[in-house]
Protein backbone atom coordinates (compact mmCIF):
# COMPACT_ATOMS: atom_id res chain seq x y z
CA MET A 1 -4.06 -1.01 -1.50
CA PHE A 2 -6.06 -0.70 1.75
CA PRO A 3 -8.38 2.08 1.08
CA LYS A 4 -9.31 2.95 4.65
CA ALA A 5 -5.59 2.82 5.67
CA THR A 6 -3.89 5.55 7.55
CA ASN A 7 -0.42 6.38 8.35
CA GLU A 8 -1.20 5.04 12.00
CA THR A 9 -2.97 1.77 10.86
CA PHE A 10 -0.06 1.15 8.45
CA LYS A 11 2.57 1.51 11.20
CA ALA A 12 0.54 -0.91 13.35
CA MET A 13 0.44 -3.36 10.62
CA LEU A 14 4.03 -3.26 10.06
CA TYR A 15 4.79 -3.47 13.68
CA GLU A 16 2.22 -6.45 14.21
CA ASN A 17 3.73 -8.31 11.09
CA HIS A 18 7.34 -7.60 11.61
CA LEU A 19 8.43 -6.47 14.78
CA GLY A 20 10.19 -9.22 16.58
CA LYS A 21 9.53 -11.68 13.56
CA SER A 22 11.90 -10.35 11.30
CA LYS A 23 15.64 -9.69 12.06
CA SER A 24 15.62 -7.06 9.35
CA PHE A 25 12.75 -4.88 10.79
CA GLY A 26 12.95 -2.67 13.90
CA LYS A 27 11.63 0.05 16.24
CA PRO A 28 13.73 3.20 15.93
CA LYS A 29 15.41 4.55 18.88
CA PRO A 30 14.77 8.05 19.70
CA SER A 31 16.74 10.58 17.58
CA LYS A 32 17.72 14.15 17.07
CA ALA A 33 17.28 13.62 13.27
CA LYS A 34 15.39 16.14 11.05
CA TYR A 35 12.48 13.87 10.54
CA GLU A 36 11.08 11.21 13.06
CA SER A 37 11.74 7.59 12.04
CA HIS A 38 8.44 5.34 12.25
CA PHE A 39 10.65 1.99 11.74
CA GLU A 40 13.94 0.90 10.80
CA LEU A 41 15.32 -1.87 8.39
CA TYR A 42 18.77 -3.39 8.85
CA HIS A 43 20.68 -4.20 5.69
CA TYR A 44 24.00 -4.37 3.88
CA ALA A 45 23.83 -0.02 4.02
CA GLY A 46 23.35 -0.30 7.59
CA THR A 47 20.41 0.90 9.63
CA VAL A 48 18.11 2.94 7.71
CA GLY A 49 15.19 4.99 9.23
CA TYR A 50 11.87 5.26 7.52
CA ASN A 51 9.14 7.90 8.05
CA ILE A 52 5.43 6.90 7.12
CA GLU A 53 4.18 10.34 6.56
CA GLY A 54 2.40 10.27 3.34
CA TRP A 55 3.69 6.94 2.67
CA LEU A 56 0.35 5.22 1.57
CA PHE A 57 -0.24 8.14 -0.97
CA LYS A 58 3.17 8.27 -2.54
CA ASN A 59 3.08 4.53 -3.20
CA LYS A 60 -0.21 4.49 -4.63
CA ASP A 61 0.43 2.91 -8.39
CA PRO A 62 -2.78 3.80 -10.29
CA LEU A 63 -3.15 1.74 -13.59
CA ASN A 64 -2.96 3.81 -16.83
CA GLU A 65 -6.60 4.49 -18.35
CA SER A 66 -5.45 2.72 -21.42
CA VAL A 67 -4.47 -0.44 -19.72
CA VAL A 68 -7.68 -0.28 -17.73
CA SER A 69 -9.64 -0.16 -21.09
CA ILE A 70 -7.93 -3.08 -22.56
CA LEU A 71 -8.61 -5.06 -19.25
CA ARG A 72 -12.13 -4.27 -19.38
CA GLN A 73 -12.56 -5.64 -22.68
CA SER A 74 -10.73 -8.91 -21.90
CA LYS A 75 -12.35 -12.21 -23.35
CA GLU A 76 -11.54 -13.81 -19.92
CA LYS A 77 -14.64 -12.87 -17.85
CA LEU A 78 -12.64 -13.11 -14.69
CA VAL A 79 -10.05 -10.58 -15.86
CA ALA A 80 -12.79 -8.29 -17.17
CA SER A 81 -14.95 -8.47 -13.80
CA PHE A 82 -12.13 -6.71 -12.02
CA PHE A 83 -12.55 -3.63 -14.27
CA PRO A 84 -16.29 -2.95 -14.52
CA GLU A 85 -17.43 0.01 -16.49
CA GLU A 86 -18.42 3.00 -14.22
CA GLY A 87 -22.00 2.74 -13.24
CA ASN A 88 -21.81 -1.06 -13.33
CA VAL A 89 -20.13 -1.62 -10.07
CA ILE A 90 -21.63 -4.57 -8.02
CA LEU A 91 -21.48 -3.69 -4.36
CA ASN A 92 -20.80 -6.52 -1.96
CA SER A 93 -18.73 -7.25 1.04
CA PHE A 94 -15.45 -6.54 -0.65
CA SER A 95 -14.04 -2.98 -0.79
CA ILE A 96 -14.47 -1.52 -4.22
CA PHE A 97 -11.51 0.58 -5.59
CA ASP A 98 -11.05 2.57 -8.43
CA PRO A 99 -7.79 1.11 -10.29
CA THR A 100 -6.89 4.30 -11.87
CA HIS A 101 -6.43 6.13 -8.51
């Protein structure tokens, strides 16, 4: 997940990484549909338009607290380091995220 991403930065990233590089990805044509399409995917079902409003929020996949608790107790130090106890977070140049949100 990208903590500082917005709908617009997500759309820009999609276009930068896929537009003109993937035959399955395209920019939508203006339409009179109920909702605005921000990108299209071309596949067996035909052309499907997608709207990115709220996309990042809807697709957050938080980890269950029980799973995080188990991973914090891992005997593998590397695994445990990904899930520090609250208050024991080491700040560095990497983004810190809460795995449960």
